[in-house]
Amino acid sequence: MIWLKEQSLNSLHLTIKNAKEFILKILQKVKMAIRKNTEVREGRANLLLIRDTFTDKSVIGKLYCNSEFIAHTLELAWRENEKSVSCIPEGEYACRVRLARESGSRDYVHLLVQDVPSRSYILFHRGNYPSDSRGCILTGTHRAQSSDKILESKVAHAYLMDYILGNQLSKEINLIIKNR
């Protein structure tokens, strides 16, 4: 009887060990996939925005910079790239740091997404709701329980800009947007 209990415990231990190994392998694959999409070069910020939640009002995703998670994102829902009412298309874009003095509406440093087809002044800026955007990308520290909202946008935006500027990555900023 004692031998049977030891066998059961050993089997359970092996099952837990196998599960841990499996989870670690999956995490390594995810990390490698993110790194593949955000190759790190000195002075360069490689932003990867993975959109994963789609509603009739918004698109929510995750933003990574050089493989590190930075923030959750919120954009307007896809409406054929129509100006001021749609998120921008999937693709690859150059970005640049835009100072507060360059903006008529933002009194803080933010990112300007460049060369978006049929669009201009697409920014990464603060905001929590779809109504805070006219096609721009908003950042938040986490998602609200209800969809169509992100939280603590000021904190997340400050972290994004501190990460880019503090690590001297503003020389070249590349953004890749993917829908999941």
C-alpha atoms as a PDB file:
ATOM      1  CA  MET A   1       0.000   0.000   0.000  1.00  0.00           C
ATOM      2  CA  ILE A   2       2.842   2.416   0.857  1.00  0.00           C
ATOM      3  CA  TRP A   3       4.534   1.554  -2.444  1.00  0.00           C
ATOM      4  CA  LEU A   4       1.310   2.439  -4.299  1.00  0.00           C
ATOM      5  CA  LYS A   5       1.105   5.854  -2.601  1.00  0.00           C
ATOM      6  CA  GLU A   6       4.743   6.601  -3.501  1.00  0.00           C
ATOM      7  CA  GLN A   7       4.064   5.636  -7.121  1.00  0.00           C
ATOM      8  CA  SER A   8       1.029   7.960  -7.226  1.00  0.00           C
ATOM      9  CA  LEU A   9       3.046  10.841  -5.732  1.00  0.00           C
ATOM     10  CA  ASN A  10       5.892  10.207  -8.178  1.00  0.00           C
ATOM     11  CA  SER A  11       3.430  10.201 -11.079  1.00  0.00           C
ATOM     12  CA  LEU A  12       1.879  13.441  -9.855  1.00  0.00           C
ATOM     13  CA  HIS A  13       5.333  15.012  -9.464  1.00  0.00           C
ATOM     14  CA  LEU A  14       6.252  13.991 -13.028  1.00  0.00           C
ATOM     15  CA  THR A  15       2.980  15.408 -14.360  1.00  0.00           C
ATOM     16  CA  ILE A  16       3.583  18.754 -12.639  1.00  0.00           C
ATOM     17  CA  LYS A  17       7.188  18.762 -13.822  1.00  0.00           C
ATOM     18  CA  ASN A  18       6.067  18.036 -17.406  1.00  0.00           C
ATOM     19  CA  ALA A  19       3.476  20.823 -17.221  1.00  0.00           C
ATOM     20  CA  LYS A  20       6.114  23.291 -15.975  1.00  0.00           C
ATOM     21  CA  GLU A  21       8.494  22.299 -18.776  1.00  0.00           C
ATOM     22  CA  PHE A  22       5.693  22.640 -21.334  1.00  0.00           C
ATOM     23  CA  ILE A  23       4.748  26.118 -20.075  1.00  0.00           C
ATOM     24  CA  LEU A  24       8.389  27.241 -20.055  1.00  0.00           C
ATOM     25  CA  LYS A  25       8.814  26.045 -23.654  1.00  0.00           C
ATOM     26  CA  ILE A  26       5.713  27.975 -24.731  1.00  0.00           C
ATOM     27  CA  LEU A  27       6.937  31.120 -22.964  1.00  0.00           C
ATOM     28  CA  GLN A  28      10.322  30.804 -24.676  1.00  0.00           C
ATOM     29  CA  LYS A  29       8.622  30.467 -28.077  1.00  0.00           C
ATOM     30  CA  VAL A  30       6.471  33.535 -27.419  1.00  0.00           C
ATOM     31  CA  LYS A  31       9.512  35.528 -26.312  1.00  0.00           C
ATOM     32  CA  MET A  32      11.443  34.433 -29.420  1.00  0.00           C
ATOM     33  CA  ALA A  33       8.522  35.405 -31.679  1.00  0.00           C
ATOM     34  CA  ILE A  34       8.371  38.843 -30.089  1.00  0.00           C
ATOM     35  CA  ARG A  35      12.140  39.266 -30.422  1.00  0.00           C
ATOM     36  CA  LYS A  36      11.948  38.208 -34.062  1.00  0.00           C
ATOM     37  CA  ASN A  37       9.420  40.980 -34.687  1.00  0.00           C
ATOM     38  CA  THR A  38      11.348  43.562 -32.675  1.00  0.00           C
ATOM     39  CA  GLU A  39      15.010  43.136 -33.550  1.00  0.00           C
ATOM     40  CA  VAL A  40      17.085  45.308 -31.261  1.00  0.00           C
ATOM     41  CA  ARG A  41      19.660  47.708 -32.698  1.00  0.00           C
ATOM     42  CA  GLU A  42      21.500  50.425 -30.836  1.00  0.00           C
ATOM     43  CA  GLY A  43      19.629  53.721 -30.863  1.00  0.00           C
ATOM     44  CA  ARG A  44      16.574  52.132 -32.451  1.00  0.00           C
ATOM     45  CA  ALA A  45      13.130  51.569 -30.992  1.00  0.00           C
ATOM     46  CA  ASN A  46      11.225  48.722 -32.586  1.00  0.00           C
ATOM     47  CA  LEU A  47       7.601  49.009 -31.577  1.00  0.00           C
ATOM     48  CA  LEU A  48       5.284  46.058 -32.115  1.00  0.00           C
ATOM     49  CA  LEU A  49       1.552  46.617 -31.641  1.00  0.00           C
ATOM     50  CA  ILE A  50      -0.461  43.404 -31.593  1.00  0.00           C
ATOM     51  CA  ARG A  51      -4.176  44.097 -31.844  1.00  0.00           C
ATOM     52  CA  ASP A  52      -6.144  41.327 -30.153  1.00  0.00           C
ATOM     53  CA  THR A  53      -9.598  42.590 -29.128  1.00  0.00           C
ATOM     54  CA  PHE A  54     -12.011  43.996 -31.704  1.00  0.00           C
ATOM     55  CA  THR A  55     -15.398  45.584 -30.934  1.00  0.00           C
ATOM     56  CA  ASP A  56     -17.710  47.846 -32.897  1.00  0.00           C
ATOM     57  CA  LYS A  57     -16.241  50.860 -31.043  1.00  0.00           C
ATOM     58  CA  SER A  58     -12.572  50.032 -30.543  1.00  0.00           C
ATOM     59  CA  VAL A  59      -9.510  47.879 -31.083  1.00  0.00           C
ATOM     60  CA  ILE A  60      -7.418  46.981 -28.036  1.00  0.00           C
ATOM     61  CA  GLY A  61      -3.919  45.564 -28.186  1.00  0.00           C
ATOM     62  CA  LYS A  62      -0.517  45.264 -26.580  1.00  0.00           C
ATOM     63  CA  LEU A  63       2.509  47.411 -27.337  1.00  0.00           C
ATOM     64  CA  TYR A  64       6.075  46.114 -27.085  1.00  0.00           C
ATOM     65  CA  CYS A  65       9.327  48.024 -27.517  1.00  0.00           C
ATOM     66  CA  ASN A  66      12.419  45.984 -28.311  1.00  0.00           C
ATOM     67  CA  SER A  67      10.654  42.858 -26.987  1.00  0.00           C
ATOM     68  CA  GLU A  68       9.588  44.432 -23.689  1.00  0.00           C
ATOM     69  CA  PHE A  69       5.900  44.906 -22.899  1.00  0.00           C
ATOM     70  CA  ILE A  70       5.199  48.621 -22.592  1.00  0.00           C
ATOM     71  CA  ALA A  71       1.445  49.216 -22.513  1.00  0.00           C
ATOM     72  CA  HIS A  72      -2.025  48.233 -23.584  1.00  0.00           C
ATOM     73  CA  THR A  73      -3.367  50.226 -26.517  1.00  0.00           C
ATOM     74  CA  LEU A  74      -6.778  51.465 -27.562  1.00  0.00           C
ATOM     75  CA  GLU A  75      -7.715  52.650 -31.036  1.00  0.00           C
ATOM     76  CA  LEU A  76     -10.923  53.354 -32.889  1.00  0.00           C
ATOM     77  CA  ALA A  77     -12.553  50.386 -34.638  1.00  0.00           C
ATOM     78  CA  TRP A  78     -11.584  49.652 -38.238  1.00  0.00           C
ATOM     79  CA  ARG A  79     -13.705  51.697 -40.649  1.00  0.00           C
ATOM     80  CA  GLU A  80     -11.761  51.410 -43.901  1.00  0.00           C
ATOM     81  CA  ASN A  81      -9.052  53.867 -42.759  1.00  0.00           C
ATOM     82  CA  GLU A  82     -11.543  56.734 -42.867  1.00  0.00           C
ATOM     83  CA  LYS A  83     -10.037  59.914 -41.425  1.00  0.00           C
ATOM     84  CA  SER A  84     -10.912  60.678 -37.767  1.00  0.00           C
ATOM     85  CA  VAL A  85     -13.210  57.629 -37.323  1.00  0.00           C
ATOM     86  CA  SER A  86     -10.947  54.606 -37.991  1.00  0.00           C
ATOM     87  CA  CYS A  87      -7.762  53.047 -36.718  1.00  0.00           C
ATOM     88  CA  ILE A  88      -4.924  52.948 -39.225  1.00  0.00           C
ATOM     89  CA  PRO A  89      -4.186  49.871 -41.372  1.00  0.00           C
ATOM     90  CA  GLU A  90      -1.907  47.044 -40.318  1.00  0.00           C
ATOM     91  CA  GLY A  91       1.601  47.606 -41.574  1.00  0.00           C
ATOM     92  CA  GLU A  92       4.989  49.083 -40.893  1.00  0.00           C
ATOM     93  CA  TYR A  93       5.478  52.759 -40.149  1.00  0.00           C
ATOM     94  CA  ALA A  94       8.239  55.130 -39.163  1.00  0.00           C
ATOM     95  CA  CYS A  95       7.627  57.234 -36.067  1.00  0.00           C
ATOM     96  CA  ARG A  96       9.325  60.198 -34.510  1.00  0.00           C
ATOM     97  CA  VAL A  97       9.289  61.942 -31.172  1.00  0.00           C
ATOM     98  CA  ARG A  98       7.133  65.068 -31.322  1.00  0.00           C
ATOM     99  CA  LEU A  99       7.758  67.773 -28.751  1.00  0.00           C
ATOM    100  CA  ALA A 100       4.949  69.585 -26.972  1.00  0.00           C
ATOM    101  CA  ARG A 101       5.881  72.878 -28.627  1.00  0.00           C
ATOM    102  CA  GLU A 102       5.247  71.297 -32.057  1.00  0.00           C
ATOM    103  CA  SER A 103       1.648  70.503 -31.145  1.00  0.00           C
ATOM    104  CA  GLY A 104      -1.344  72.767 -30.873  1.00  0.00           C
ATOM    105  CA  SER A 105      -3.260  70.292 -28.710  1.00  0.00           C
ATOM    106  CA  ARG A 106      -0.757  68.193 -26.703  1.00  0.00           C
ATOM    107  CA  ASP A 107       1.292  69.776 -23.918  1.00  0.00           C
ATOM    108  CA  TYR A 108       3.555  66.751 -23.503  1.00  0.00           C
ATOM    109  CA  VAL A 109       6.039  64.755 -25.582  1.00  0.00           C
ATOM    110  CA  HIS A 110       4.415  62.091 -27.776  1.00  0.00           C
ATOM    111  CA  LEU A 111       5.039  59.999 -30.888  1.00  0.00           C
ATOM    112  CA  LEU A 112       3.961  60.899 -34.408  1.00  0.00           C
ATOM    113  CA  VAL A 113       3.296  57.976 -36.767  1.00  0.00           C
ATOM    114  CA  GLN A 114       4.523  58.954 -40.224  1.00  0.00           C
ATOM    115  CA  ASP A 115       3.487  58.116 -43.781  1.00  0.00           C
ATOM    116  CA  VAL A 116       0.115  56.572 -42.958  1.00  0.00           C
ATOM    117  CA  PRO A 117      -1.788  56.200 -46.267  1.00  0.00           C
ATOM    118  CA  SER A 118      -4.455  58.926 -46.657  1.00  0.00           C
ATOM    119  CA  ARG A 119      -3.939  60.090 -43.051  1.00  0.00           C
ATOM    120  CA  SER A 120      -1.905  62.650 -41.127  1.00  0.00           C
ATOM    121  CA  TYR A 121      -1.130  63.478 -37.507  1.00  0.00           C
ATOM    122  CA  ILE A 122      -1.623  59.964 -36.156  1.00  0.00           C
ATOM    123  CA  LEU A 123      -0.189  60.113 -32.651  1.00  0.00           C
ATOM    124  CA  PHE A 124       0.546  57.932 -29.651  1.00  0.00           C
ATOM    125  CA  HIS A 125      -1.053  59.986 -26.886  1.00  0.00           C
ATOM    126  CA  ARG A 126      -2.980  59.865 -23.618  1.00  0.00           C
ATOM    127  CA  GLY A 127      -6.607  58.791 -23.433  1.00  0.00           C
ATOM    128  CA  ASN A 128      -8.817  56.094 -21.963  1.00  0.00           C
ATOM    129  CA  TYR A 129     -11.857  55.841 -24.253  1.00  0.00           C
ATOM    130  CA  PRO A 130     -12.486  55.639 -28.011  1.00  0.00           C
ATOM    131  CA  SER A 131     -13.919  59.165 -27.761  1.00  0.00           C
ATOM    132  CA  ASP A 132     -10.418  60.371 -26.741  1.00  0.00           C
ATOM    133  CA  SER A 133      -9.076  59.408 -30.171  1.00  0.00           C
ATOM    134  CA  ARG A 134      -9.620  60.615 -33.707  1.00  0.00           C
ATOM    135  CA  GLY A 135      -7.661  57.739 -35.225  1.00  0.00           C
ATOM    136  CA  CYS A 136      -4.675  57.879 -32.872  1.00  0.00           C
ATOM    137  CA  ILE A 137      -3.200  55.191 -30.618  1.00  0.00           C
ATOM    138  CA  LEU A 138      -3.866  55.558 -26.897  1.00  0.00           C
ATOM    139  CA  THR A 139      -1.786  53.829 -24.218  1.00  0.00           C
ATOM    140  CA  GLY A 140      -2.827  52.477 -20.806  1.00  0.00           C
ATOM    141  CA  THR A 141      -1.325  50.394 -18.026  1.00  0.00           C
ATOM    142  CA  HIS A 142      -4.145  47.869 -18.141  1.00  0.00           C
ATOM    143  CA  ARG A 143      -7.538  47.119 -19.643  1.00  0.00           C
ATOM    144  CA  ALA A 144     -10.845  47.801 -17.936  1.00  0.00           C
ATOM    145  CA  GLN A 145     -13.145  44.850 -17.191  1.00  0.00           C
ATOM    146  CA  SER A 146     -15.592  46.278 -19.699  1.00  0.00           C
ATOM    147  CA  SER A 147     -14.271  46.486 -23.214  1.00  0.00           C
ATOM    148  CA  ASP A 148     -13.579  49.767 -25.005  1.00  0.00           C
ATOM    149  CA  LYS A 149     -11.518  51.245 -22.185  1.00  0.00           C
ATOM    150  CA  ILE A 150      -7.922  51.308 -20.956  1.00  0.00           C
ATOM    151  CA  LEU A 151      -6.776  52.726 -17.628  1.00  0.00           C
ATOM    152  CA  GLU A 152      -3.992  54.953 -16.286  1.00  0.00           C
ATOM    153  CA  SER A 153      -3.134  56.423 -19.638  1.00  0.00           C
ATOM    154  CA  LYS A 154      -0.900  59.187 -18.265  1.00  0.00           C
ATOM    155  CA  VAL A 155       1.256  56.629 -16.466  1.00  0.00           C
ATOM    156  CA  ALA A 156       1.529  54.356 -19.518  1.00  0.00           C
ATOM    157  CA  HIS A 157       2.295  57.217 -21.893  1.00  0.00           C
ATOM    158  CA  ALA A 158       4.991  58.555 -19.552  1.00  0.00           C
ATOM    159  CA  TYR A 159       6.491  55.058 -19.352  1.00  0.00           C
ATOM    160  CA  LEU A 160       6.529  54.712 -23.164  1.00  0.00           C
ATOM    161  CA  MET A 161       8.241  58.055 -23.655  1.00  0.00           C
ATOM    162  CA  ASP A 162      10.668  57.517 -20.745  1.00  0.00           C
ATOM    163  CA  TYR A 163      11.571  54.107 -22.171  1.00  0.00           C
ATOM    164  CA  ILE A 164      12.323  55.526 -25.623  1.00  0.00           C
ATOM    165  CA  LEU A 165      14.056  58.703 -24.495  1.00  0.00           C
ATOM    166  CA  GLY A 166      15.750  57.237 -21.401  1.00  0.00           C
ATOM    167  CA  ASN A 167      17.276  54.412 -23.429  1.00  0.00           C
ATOM    168  CA  GLN A 168      18.254  56.832 -26.211  1.00  0.00           C
ATOM    169  CA  LEU A 169      16.146  54.973 -28.758  1.00  0.00           C
ATOM    170  CA  SER A 170      14.691  57.990 -30.538  1.00  0.00           C
ATOM    171  CA  LYS A 171      17.226  58.005 -33.383  1.00  0.00           C
ATOM    172  CA  GLU A 172      15.052  55.620 -35.367  1.00  0.00           C
ATOM    173  CA  ILE A 173      11.583  54.444 -34.322  1.00  0.00           C
ATOM    174  CA  ASN A 174       9.878  51.714 -36.301  1.00  0.00           C
ATOM    175  CA  LEU A 175       6.281  50.591 -35.673  1.00  0.00           C
ATOM    176  CA  ILE A 176       4.785  47.303 -36.842  1.00  0.00           C
ATOM    177  CA  ILE A 177       1.035  46.843 -36.393  1.00  0.00           C
ATOM    178  CA  LYS A 178      -0.450  43.342 -36.605  1.00  0.00           C
ATOM    179  CA  ASN A 179      -3.985  42.085 -36.129  1.00  0.00           C
ATOM    180  CA  ARG A 180      -4.328  38.811 -34.283  1.00  0.00           C
END
